[in-house]
Amino acid sequence: MTWQSNLTIKTQLLTIKRVIYHILLGVSLNSLKQYDKAIKMFDEAISLDHRYFLAYHHKGFIHHKYRNIFVKLKIRLKCYRLI
């Protein structure tokens, strides 16, 4: 192995560590119901390496959760208008 291939491997490992860090941080923020920050962490993970499906999975889960929250809020607003 040459020093260039060692450098490439080290760079790839560093990128993987950063991606995993952002995914774990996003999961933690999601559990704290800080959805905007969690989505930003998943976006950062995707921008670092787009091959990690977990970032897409968790981001989609949050978007699904947001949609349900928005629909419930919209229904409540309609109910208040009827009163």
C-alpha atoms as a PDB file:
ATOM      1  CA  MET A   1       0.000   0.000   0.000  1.00  0.00           C
ATOM      2  CA  THR A   2       1.173   3.439  -0.786  1.00  0.00           C
ATOM      3  CA  TRP A   3       0.798   6.445   1.461  1.00  0.00           C
ATOM      4  CA  GLN A   4      -1.816   7.813  -0.953  1.00  0.00           C
ATOM      5  CA  SER A   5      -4.061   4.778  -0.560  1.00  0.00           C
ATOM      6  CA  ASN A   6      -3.621   4.949   3.236  1.00  0.00           C
ATOM      7  CA  LEU A   7      -4.640   8.594   3.138  1.00  0.00           C
ATOM      8  CA  THR A   8      -7.685   7.756   1.042  1.00  0.00           C
ATOM      9  CA  ILE A   9      -8.753   5.045   3.487  1.00  0.00           C
ATOM     10  CA  LYS A  10      -8.290   7.373   6.458  1.00  0.00           C
ATOM     11  CA  THR A  11     -10.328  10.071   4.716  1.00  0.00           C
ATOM     12  CA  GLN A  12     -13.123   7.612   3.994  1.00  0.00           C
ATOM     13  CA  LEU A  13     -13.158   6.403   7.599  1.00  0.00           C
ATOM     14  CA  LEU A  14     -13.314   9.977   8.849  1.00  0.00           C
ATOM     15  CA  THR A  15     -16.256  10.662   6.550  1.00  0.00           C
ATOM     16  CA  ILE A  16     -18.047   7.533   7.792  1.00  0.00           C
ATOM     17  CA  LYS A  17     -17.520   8.597  11.405  1.00  0.00           C
ATOM     18  CA  ARG A  18     -18.916  12.061  10.661  1.00  0.00           C
ATOM     19  CA  VAL A  19     -21.959  10.578   8.905  1.00  0.00           C
ATOM     20  CA  ILE A  20     -22.684   8.237  11.816  1.00  0.00           C
ATOM     21  CA  TYR A  21     -22.217  11.115  14.271  1.00  0.00           C
ATOM     22  CA  HIS A  22     -24.788  13.245  12.421  1.00  0.00           C
ATOM     23  CA  ILE A  23     -27.252  10.355  12.185  1.00  0.00           C
ATOM     24  CA  LEU A  24     -26.983   9.595  15.918  1.00  0.00           C
ATOM     25  CA  LEU A  25     -27.314  13.263  16.781  1.00  0.00           C
ATOM     26  CA  GLY A  26     -30.380  13.514  14.540  1.00  0.00           C
ATOM     27  CA  VAL A  27     -31.962  10.497  16.240  1.00  0.00           C
ATOM     28  CA  SER A  28     -31.313  12.070  19.646  1.00  0.00           C
ATOM     29  CA  LEU A  29     -32.810  15.390  18.570  1.00  0.00           C
ATOM     30  CA  ASN A  30     -35.824  13.561  17.181  1.00  0.00           C
ATOM     31  CA  SER A  31     -36.430  11.877  20.536  1.00  0.00           C
ATOM     32  CA  LEU A  32     -36.244  15.335  22.164  1.00  0.00           C
ATOM     33  CA  LYS A  33     -38.901  16.515  19.647  1.00  0.00           C
ATOM     34  CA  GLN A  34     -36.509  19.028  18.087  1.00  0.00           C
ATOM     35  CA  TYR A  35     -37.534  18.040  14.591  1.00  0.00           C
ATOM     36  CA  ASP A  36     -36.051  20.984  12.674  1.00  0.00           C
ATOM     37  CA  LYS A  37     -32.596  20.404  14.130  1.00  0.00           C
ATOM     38  CA  ALA A  38     -32.874  16.656  13.574  1.00  0.00           C
ATOM     39  CA  ILE A  39     -33.717  17.157   9.901  1.00  0.00           C
ATOM     40  CA  LYS A  40     -30.683  19.422   9.544  1.00  0.00           C
ATOM     41  CA  MET A  41     -28.469  16.691  11.014  1.00  0.00           C
ATOM     42  CA  PHE A  42     -29.868  14.113   8.590  1.00  0.00           C
ATOM     43  CA  ASP A  43     -29.369  16.531   5.706  1.00  0.00           C
ATOM     44  CA  GLU A  44     -25.763  17.019   6.792  1.00  0.00           C
ATOM     45  CA  ALA A  45     -25.239  13.241   6.904  1.00  0.00           C
ATOM     46  CA  ILE A  46     -26.719  12.905   3.412  1.00  0.00           C
ATOM     47  CA  SER A  47     -24.507  15.694   2.089  1.00  0.00           C
ATOM     48  CA  LEU A  48     -21.422  13.967   3.492  1.00  0.00           C
ATOM     49  CA  ASP A  49     -22.266  10.606   1.947  1.00  0.00           C
ATOM     50  CA  HIS A  50     -25.545   9.956   0.154  1.00  0.00           C
ATOM     51  CA  ARG A  51     -25.261   6.157   0.415  1.00  0.00           C
ATOM     52  CA  TYR A  52     -26.414   5.867   4.036  1.00  0.00           C
ATOM     53  CA  PHE A  53     -30.066   4.887   3.958  1.00  0.00           C
ATOM     54  CA  LEU A  54     -30.560   5.517   7.685  1.00  0.00           C
ATOM     55  CA  ALA A  55     -30.358   9.264   7.176  1.00  0.00           C
ATOM     56  CA  TYR A  56     -33.067   9.087   4.501  1.00  0.00           C
ATOM     57  CA  HIS A  57     -35.154   6.735   6.643  1.00  0.00           C
ATOM     58  CA  HIS A  58     -35.119   8.938   9.738  1.00  0.00           C
ATOM     59  CA  LYS A  59     -35.665  12.122   7.738  1.00  0.00           C
ATOM     60  CA  GLY A  60     -38.709  10.543   6.066  1.00  0.00           C
ATOM     61  CA  PHE A  61     -40.017   9.398   9.439  1.00  0.00           C
ATOM     62  CA  ILE A  62     -39.828  12.948  10.802  1.00  0.00           C
ATOM     63  CA  HIS A  63     -41.538  14.364   7.715  1.00  0.00           C
ATOM     64  CA  HIS A  64     -44.307  11.792   8.179  1.00  0.00           C
ATOM     65  CA  LYS A  65     -44.624  12.788  11.846  1.00  0.00           C
ATOM     66  CA  TYR A  66     -44.731  16.494  10.919  1.00  0.00           C
ATOM     67  CA  ARG A  67     -47.469  15.838   8.389  1.00  0.00           C
ATOM     68  CA  ASN A  68     -49.581  14.089  11.026  1.00  0.00           C
ATOM     69  CA  ILE A  69     -49.058  16.944  13.490  1.00  0.00           C
ATOM     70  CA  PHE A  70     -50.017  19.507  10.827  1.00  0.00           C
ATOM     71  CA  VAL A  71     -53.171  17.592   9.894  1.00  0.00           C
ATOM     72  CA  LYS A  72     -54.249  17.375  13.553  1.00  0.00           C
ATOM     73  CA  LEU A  73     -53.634  21.097  13.998  1.00  0.00           C
ATOM     74  CA  LYS A  74     -55.597  21.892  10.844  1.00  0.00           C
ATOM     75  CA  ILE A  75     -58.536  19.799  12.085  1.00  0.00           C
ATOM     76  CA  ARG A  76     -58.467  21.619  15.432  1.00  0.00           C
ATOM     77  CA  LEU A  77     -58.456  24.986  13.704  1.00  0.00           C
ATOM     78  CA  LYS A  78     -61.470  23.974  11.627  1.00  0.00           C
ATOM     79  CA  CYS A  79     -63.296  22.910  14.788  1.00  0.00           C
ATOM     80  CA  TYR A  80     -62.638  26.277  16.433  1.00  0.00           C
ATOM     81  CA  ARG A  81     -63.984  28.100  13.392  1.00  0.00           C
ATOM     82  CA  LEU A  82     -67.215  26.159  13.608  1.00  0.00           C
ATOM     83  CA  ILE A  83     -67.837  27.149  17.228  1.00  0.00           C
END
